[in-house]
């Protein structure tokens, strides 16, 4: 999982970027799992699917970090 720890009251622009699509299957992210910092959907987690390097590179190009 990505590190999502931020101090309470951290301005929105200073918070870690969350993906809008899963980084393994490219499906839309469900908000409860996004809030927890998950990078893969439940099905991909169950299958232990690897993250797609292309999707990860795009996410990182937007300023995200693990």
PDB file of N, CA and C in Angstrom:
ATOM      1  N   UNK A   1       0.824  -1.173   0.000  1.00  0.00           N
ATOM      2  CA  UNK A   1       0.000   0.000   0.000  1.00  0.00           C
ATOM      3  C   UNK A   1       0.871   1.239   0.000  1.00  0.00           C
ATOM      4  N   UNK A   2       0.330   2.287  -0.536  1.00  0.00           N
ATOM      5  CA  UNK A   2       1.035   3.554  -0.552  1.00  0.00           C
ATOM      6  C   UNK A   2       0.999   4.176   0.831  1.00  0.00           C
ATOM      7  N   UNK A   3       1.994   4.956   1.143  1.00  0.00           N
ATOM      8  CA  UNK A   3       2.034   5.658   2.407  1.00  0.00           C
ATOM      9  C   UNK A   3       1.134   6.879   2.318  1.00  0.00           C
ATOM     10  N   UNK A   4       0.063   6.902   3.079  1.00  0.00           N
ATOM     11  CA  UNK A   4      -0.897   7.998   3.033  1.00  0.00           C
ATOM     12  C   UNK A   4      -0.906   8.805   4.325  1.00  0.00           C
ATOM     13  N   UNK A   5       0.130   8.729   5.115  1.00  0.00           N
ATOM     14  CA  UNK A   5       0.126   9.427   6.384  1.00  0.00           C
ATOM     15  C   UNK A   5       0.365  10.906   6.163  1.00  0.00           C
ATOM     16  N   UNK A   6      -0.546  11.699   6.666  1.00  0.00           N
ATOM     17  CA  UNK A   6      -0.392  13.151   6.653  1.00  0.00           C
ATOM     18  C   UNK A   6      -0.913  13.676   7.972  1.00  0.00           C
ATOM     19  N   UNK A   7      -0.404  14.787   8.375  1.00  0.00           N
ATOM     20  CA  UNK A   7      -0.863  15.394   9.609  1.00  0.00           C
ATOM     21  C   UNK A   7      -2.283  15.909   9.430  1.00  0.00           C
ATOM     22  N   UNK A   8      -3.094  15.840  10.485  1.00  0.00           N
ATOM     23  CA  UNK A   8      -4.437  16.404  10.384  1.00  0.00           C
ATOM     24  C   UNK A   8      -4.356  17.874   9.994  1.00  0.00           C
ATOM     25  N   UNK A   9      -5.242  18.290   9.133  1.00  0.00           N
ATOM     26  CA  UNK A   9      -5.255  19.679   8.700  1.00  0.00           C
ATOM     27  C   UNK A   9      -4.292  19.986   7.573  1.00  0.00           C
ATOM     28  N   UNK A  10      -3.654  18.963   7.002  1.00  0.00           N
ATOM     29  CA  UNK A  10      -2.747  19.181   5.878  1.00  0.00           C
ATOM     30  C   UNK A  10      -3.547  19.704   4.695  1.00  0.00           C
ATOM     31  N   UNK A  11      -3.123  20.816   4.082  1.00  0.00           N
ATOM     32  CA  UNK A  11      -3.856  21.340   2.922  1.00  0.00           C
ATOM     33  C   UNK A  11      -3.965  20.290   1.825  1.00  0.00           C
ATOM     34  N   UNK A  12      -5.098  20.301   1.106  1.00  0.00           N
ATOM     35  CA  UNK A  12      -5.372  19.298   0.071  1.00  0.00           C
ATOM     36  C   UNK A  12      -4.227  19.191  -0.927  1.00  0.00           C
ATOM     37  N   UNK A  13      -3.634  20.310  -1.349  1.00  0.00           N
ATOM     38  CA  UNK A  13      -2.553  20.290  -2.323  1.00  0.00           C
ATOM     39  C   UNK A  13      -1.287  19.636  -1.810  1.00  0.00           C
ATOM     40  N   UNK A  14      -1.140  19.512  -0.490  1.00  0.00           N
ATOM     41  CA  UNK A  14       0.048  18.913   0.102  1.00  0.00           C
ATOM     42  C   UNK A  14      -0.132  17.435   0.431  1.00  0.00           C
ATOM     43  N   UNK A  15      -1.320  16.905   0.186  1.00  0.00           N
ATOM     44  CA  UNK A  15      -1.578  15.497   0.481  1.00  0.00           C
ATOM     45  C   UNK A  15      -1.078  14.626  -0.661  1.00  0.00           C
ATOM     46  N   UNK A  16      -0.711  13.367  -0.357  1.00  0.00           N
ATOM     47  CA  UNK A  16      -0.267  12.461  -1.429  1.00  0.00           C
ATOM     48  C   UNK A  16      -1.353  12.278  -2.478  1.00  0.00           C
ATOM     49  N   UNK A  17      -0.948  12.223  -3.740  1.00  0.00           N
ATOM     50  CA  UNK A  17      -1.890  12.041  -4.848  1.00  0.00           C
ATOM     51  C   UNK A  17      -2.425  10.622  -4.832  1.00  0.00           C
ATOM     52  N   UNK A  18      -3.741  10.487  -4.962  1.00  0.00           N
ATOM     53  CA  UNK A  18      -4.356   9.172  -5.014  1.00  0.00           C
ATOM     54  C   UNK A  18      -4.733   8.863  -6.450  1.00  0.00           C
ATOM     55  N   UNK A  19      -4.513   7.625  -6.883  1.00  0.00           N
ATOM     56  CA  UNK A  19      -4.901   7.278  -8.251  1.00  0.00           C
ATOM     57  C   UNK A  19      -6.419   7.268  -8.390  1.00  0.00           C
ATOM     58  N   UNK A  20      -6.919   7.573  -9.588  1.00  0.00           N
ATOM     59  CA  UNK A  20      -8.352   7.501  -9.853  1.00  0.00           C
ATOM     60  C   UNK A  20      -8.712   6.167 -10.486  1.00  0.00           C
ATOM     61  N   UNK A  21      -7.687   5.418 -10.901  1.00  0.00           N
ATOM     62  CA  UNK A  21      -7.886   4.079 -11.466  1.00  0.00           C
ATOM     63  C   UNK A  21      -6.892   3.148 -10.781  1.00  0.00           C
ATOM     64  N   UNK A  22      -7.294   1.889 -10.628  1.00  0.00           N
ATOM     65  CA  UNK A  22      -6.399   0.911 -10.014  1.00  0.00           C
ATOM     66  C   UNK A  22      -5.150   0.748 -10.862  1.00  0.00           C
ATOM     67  N   UNK A  23      -4.025   0.567 -10.212  1.00  0.00           N
ATOM     68  CA  UNK A  23      -2.747   0.487 -10.915  1.00  0.00           C
ATOM     69  C   UNK A  23      -2.400  -0.926 -11.378  1.00  0.00           C
ATOM     70  N   UNK A  24      -3.308  -1.875 -11.197  1.00  0.00           N
ATOM     71  CA  UNK A  24      -3.090  -3.228 -11.714  1.00  0.00           C
ATOM     72  C   UNK A  24      -4.036  -3.527 -12.876  1.00  0.00           C
ATOM     73  N   UNK A  25      -5.319  -3.165 -12.732  1.00  0.00           N
ATOM     74  CA  UNK A  25      -6.323  -3.528 -13.748  1.00  0.00           C
ATOM     75  C   UNK A  25      -6.898  -2.326 -14.495  1.00  0.00           C
ATOM     76  N   UNK A  26      -6.584  -1.109 -14.063  1.00  0.00           N
ATOM     77  CA  UNK A  26      -7.029   0.132 -14.709  1.00  0.00           C
ATOM     78  C   UNK A  26      -8.536   0.365 -14.589  1.00  0.00           C
ATOM     79  N   UNK A  27      -9.190  -0.259 -13.632  1.00  0.00           N
ATOM     80  CA  UNK A  27     -10.614  -0.016 -13.370  1.00  0.00           C
ATOM     81  C   UNK A  27     -10.744   1.183 -12.430  1.00  0.00           C
ATOM     82  N   UNK A  28     -11.917   1.853 -12.402  1.00  0.00           N
ATOM     83  CA  UNK A  28     -12.106   2.995 -11.494  1.00  0.00           C
ATOM     84  C   UNK A  28     -11.932   2.590 -10.028  1.00  0.00           C
ATOM     85  N   UNK A  29     -11.354   3.488  -9.248  1.00  0.00           N
ATOM     86  CA  UNK A  29     -11.100   3.260  -7.823  1.00  0.00           C
ATOM     87  C   UNK A  29     -12.379   3.476  -7.019  1.00  0.00           C
ATOM     88  N   UNK A  30     -12.674   2.555  -6.096  1.00  0.00           N
ATOM     89  CA  UNK A  30     -13.770   2.748  -5.151  1.00  0.00           C
ATOM     90  C   UNK A  30     -13.244   3.605  -3.998  1.00  0.00           C
ATOM     91  N   UNK A  31     -13.997   4.602  -3.595  1.00  0.00           N
ATOM     92  CA  UNK A  31     -13.543   5.563  -2.598  1.00  0.00           C
ATOM     93  C   UNK A  31     -13.105   4.947  -1.266  1.00  0.00           C
ATOM     94  N   UNK A  32     -13.819   3.953  -0.706  1.00  0.00           N
ATOM     95  CA  UNK A  32     -13.343   3.412   0.576  1.00  0.00           C
ATOM     96  C   UNK A  32     -11.923   2.855   0.499  1.00  0.00           C
ATOM     97  N   UNK A  33     -11.594   2.178  -0.598  1.00  0.00           N
ATOM     98  CA  UNK A  33     -10.245   1.628  -0.730  1.00  0.00           C
ATOM     99  C   UNK A  33      -9.235   2.717  -1.059  1.00  0.00           C
ATOM    100  N   UNK A  34      -9.644   3.728  -1.812  1.00  0.00           N
ATOM    101  CA  UNK A  34      -8.740   4.844  -2.110  1.00  0.00           C
ATOM    102  C   UNK A  34      -8.366   5.558  -0.818  1.00  0.00           C
ATOM    103  N   UNK A  35      -9.328   5.731   0.066  1.00  0.00           N
ATOM    104  CA  UNK A  35      -9.085   6.388   1.349  1.00  0.00           C
ATOM    105  C   UNK A  35      -8.038   5.627   2.155  1.00  0.00           C
ATOM    106  N   UNK A  36      -8.039   4.305   2.014  1.00  0.00           N
ATOM    107  CA  UNK A  36      -7.077   3.470   2.740  1.00  0.00           C
ATOM    108  C   UNK A  36      -5.717   3.408   2.064  1.00  0.00           C
ATOM    109  N   UNK A  37      -5.621   3.933   0.838  1.00  0.00           N
ATOM    110  CA  UNK A  37      -4.344   3.955   0.139  1.00  0.00           C
ATOM    111  C   UNK A  37      -4.073   2.734  -0.708  1.00  0.00           C
ATOM    112  N   UNK A  38      -5.089   1.940  -0.975  1.00  0.00           N
ATOM    113  CA  UNK A  38      -4.898   0.742  -1.788  1.00  0.00           C
ATOM    114  C   UNK A  38      -4.598   1.123  -3.233  1.00  0.00           C
ATOM    115  N   UNK A  39      -3.702   0.388  -3.877  1.00  0.00           N
ATOM    116  CA  UNK A  39      -3.350   0.626  -5.280  1.00  0.00           C
ATOM    117  C   UNK A  39      -3.952  -0.423  -6.203  1.00  0.00           C
ATOM    118  N   UNK A  40      -4.536  -1.487  -5.607  1.00  0.00           N
ATOM    119  CA  UNK A  40      -5.146  -2.569  -6.386  1.00  0.00           C
ATOM    120  C   UNK A  40      -6.551  -2.830  -5.860  1.00  0.00           C
ATOM    121  N   UNK A  41      -7.462  -3.236  -6.768  1.00  0.00           N
ATOM    122  CA  UNK A  41      -8.827  -3.587  -6.368  1.00  0.00           C
ATOM    123  C   UNK A  41      -8.799  -4.893  -5.572  1.00  0.00           C
ATOM    124  N   UNK A  42      -9.934  -5.220  -4.975  1.00  0.00           N
ATOM    125  CA  UNK A  42      -9.996  -6.437  -4.164  1.00  0.00           C
ATOM    126  C   UNK A  42      -9.705  -7.686  -4.984  1.00  0.00           C
ATOM    127  N   UNK A  43     -10.218  -7.751  -6.218  1.00  0.00           N
ATOM    128  CA  UNK A  43      -9.966  -8.922  -7.071  1.00  0.00           C
ATOM    129  C   UNK A  43      -8.480  -9.047  -7.390  1.00  0.00           C
ATOM    130  N   UNK A  44      -7.832  -7.930  -7.709  1.00  0.00           N
ATOM    131  CA  UNK A  44      -6.395  -7.960  -8.015  1.00  0.00           C
ATOM    132  C   UNK A  44      -5.578  -8.304  -6.769  1.00  0.00           C
ATOM    133  N   UNK A  45      -6.017  -7.829  -5.614  1.00  0.00           N
ATOM    134  CA  UNK A  45      -5.326  -8.171  -4.370  1.00  0.00           C
ATOM    135  C   UNK A  45      -5.443  -9.670  -4.108  1.00  0.00           C
ATOM    136  N   UNK A  46      -6.660 -10.221  -4.340  1.00  0.00           N
ATOM    137  CA  UNK A  46      -6.881 -11.652  -4.146  1.00  0.00           C
ATOM    138  C   UNK A  46      -6.006 -12.486  -5.075  1.00  0.00           C
ATOM    139  N   UNK A  47      -5.886 -12.040  -6.331  1.00  0.00           N
ATOM    140  CA  UNK A  47      -5.082 -12.751  -7.332  1.00  0.00           C
ATOM    141  C   UNK A  47      -3.596 -12.424  -7.230  1.00  0.00           C
ATOM    142  N   UNK A  48      -3.247 -11.490  -6.327  1.00  0.00           N
ATOM    143  CA  UNK A  48      -1.874 -11.017  -6.179  1.00  0.00           C
ATOM    144  C   UNK A  48      -1.334 -10.481  -7.507  1.00  0.00           C
ATOM    145  N   UNK A  49      -2.196  -9.757  -8.226  1.00  0.00           N
ATOM    146  CA  UNK A  49      -1.828  -9.195  -9.531  1.00  0.00           C
ATOM    147  C   UNK A  49      -0.780  -8.097  -9.358  1.00  0.00           C
ATOM    148  N   UNK A  50       0.237  -8.087 -10.210  1.00  0.00           N
ATOM    149  CA  UNK A  50       1.260  -7.038 -10.119  1.00  0.00           C
ATOM    150  C   UNK A  50       0.718  -5.707 -10.617  1.00  0.00           C
ATOM    151  N   UNK A  51       1.320  -4.629 -10.155  1.00  0.00           N
ATOM    152  CA  UNK A  51       0.972  -3.305 -10.672  1.00  0.00           C
ATOM    153  C   UNK A  51       1.463  -3.196 -12.108  1.00  0.00           C
ATOM    154  N   UNK A  52       0.696  -2.514 -12.934  1.00  0.00           N
ATOM    155  CA  UNK A  52       1.062  -2.299 -14.335  1.00  0.00           C
ATOM    156  C   UNK A  52       2.113  -1.186 -14.381  1.00  0.00           C
ATOM    157  N   UNK A  53       3.325  -1.464 -14.870  1.00  0.00           N
ATOM    158  CA  UNK A  53       4.388  -0.450 -14.878  1.00  0.00           C
ATOM    159  C   UNK A  53       3.999   0.820 -15.635  1.00  0.00           C
ATOM    160  N   UNK A  54       3.210   0.689 -16.694  1.00  0.00           N
ATOM    161  CA  UNK A  54       2.783   1.864 -17.460  1.00  0.00           C
ATOM    162  C   UNK A  54       1.864   2.741 -16.621  1.00  0.00           C
ATOM    163  N   UNK A  55       0.908   2.126 -15.927  1.00  0.00           N
ATOM    164  CA  UNK A  55      -0.016   2.887 -15.084  1.00  0.00           C
ATOM    165  C   UNK A  55       0.721   3.533 -13.913  1.00  0.00           C
ATOM    166  N   UNK A  56       1.679   2.818 -13.348  1.00  0.00           N
ATOM    167  CA  UNK A  56       2.468   3.368 -12.243  1.00  0.00           C
ATOM    168  C   UNK A  56       3.277   4.569 -12.728  1.00  0.00           C
ATOM    169  N   UNK A  57       3.896   4.458 -13.903  1.00  0.00           N
ATOM    170  CA  UNK A  57       4.693   5.563 -14.454  1.00  0.00           C
ATOM    171  C   UNK A  57       3.819   6.789 -14.699  1.00  0.00           C
ATOM    172  N   UNK A  58       2.610   6.585 -15.220  1.00  0.00           N
ATOM    173  CA  UNK A  58       1.692   7.709 -15.447  1.00  0.00           C
ATOM    174  C   UNK A  58       1.308   8.359 -14.128  1.00  0.00           C
ATOM    175  N   UNK A  59       1.029   7.542 -13.122  1.00  0.00           N
ATOM    176  CA  UNK A  59       0.649   8.043 -11.805  1.00  0.00           C
ATOM    177  C   UNK A  59       1.793   8.846 -11.189  1.00  0.00           C
ATOM    178  N   UNK A  60       3.020   8.326 -11.303  1.00  0.00           N
ATOM    179  CA  UNK A  60       4.179   9.028 -10.758  1.00  0.00           C
ATOM    180  C   UNK A  60       4.468  10.312 -11.531  1.00  0.00           C
ATOM    181  N   UNK A  61       4.202  10.324 -12.829  1.00  0.00           N
ATOM    182  CA  UNK A  61       4.411  11.530 -13.636  1.00  0.00           C
ATOM    183  C   UNK A  61       3.494  12.660 -13.176  1.00  0.00           C
ATOM    184  N   UNK A  62       2.380  12.297 -12.539  1.00  0.00           N
ATOM    185  CA  UNK A  62       1.452  13.296 -11.997  1.00  0.00           C
ATOM    186  C   UNK A  62       1.892  13.779 -10.620  1.00  0.00           C
ATOM    187  N   UNK A  63       3.016  13.262 -10.119  1.00  0.00           N
ATOM    188  CA  UNK A  63       3.555  13.724  -8.848  1.00  0.00           C
ATOM    189  C   UNK A  63       3.329  12.787  -7.678  1.00  0.00           C
ATOM    190  N   UNK A  64       2.826  11.592  -7.926  1.00  0.00           N
ATOM    191  CA  UNK A  64       2.565  10.646  -6.847  1.00  0.00           C
ATOM    192  C   UNK A  64       3.832   9.875  -6.483  1.00  0.00           C
ATOM    193  N   UNK A  65       3.883   9.419  -5.239  1.00  0.00           N
ATOM    194  CA  UNK A  65       4.982   8.576  -4.775  1.00  0.00           C
ATOM    195  C   UNK A  65       4.407   7.434  -3.960  1.00  0.00           C
ATOM    196  N   UNK A  66       5.184   6.369  -3.825  1.00  0.00           N
ATOM    197  CA  UNK A  66       4.764   5.234  -3.012  1.00  0.00           C
ATOM    198  C   UNK A  66       5.073   5.523  -1.579  1.00  0.00           C
TER     199      UNK A  66
END
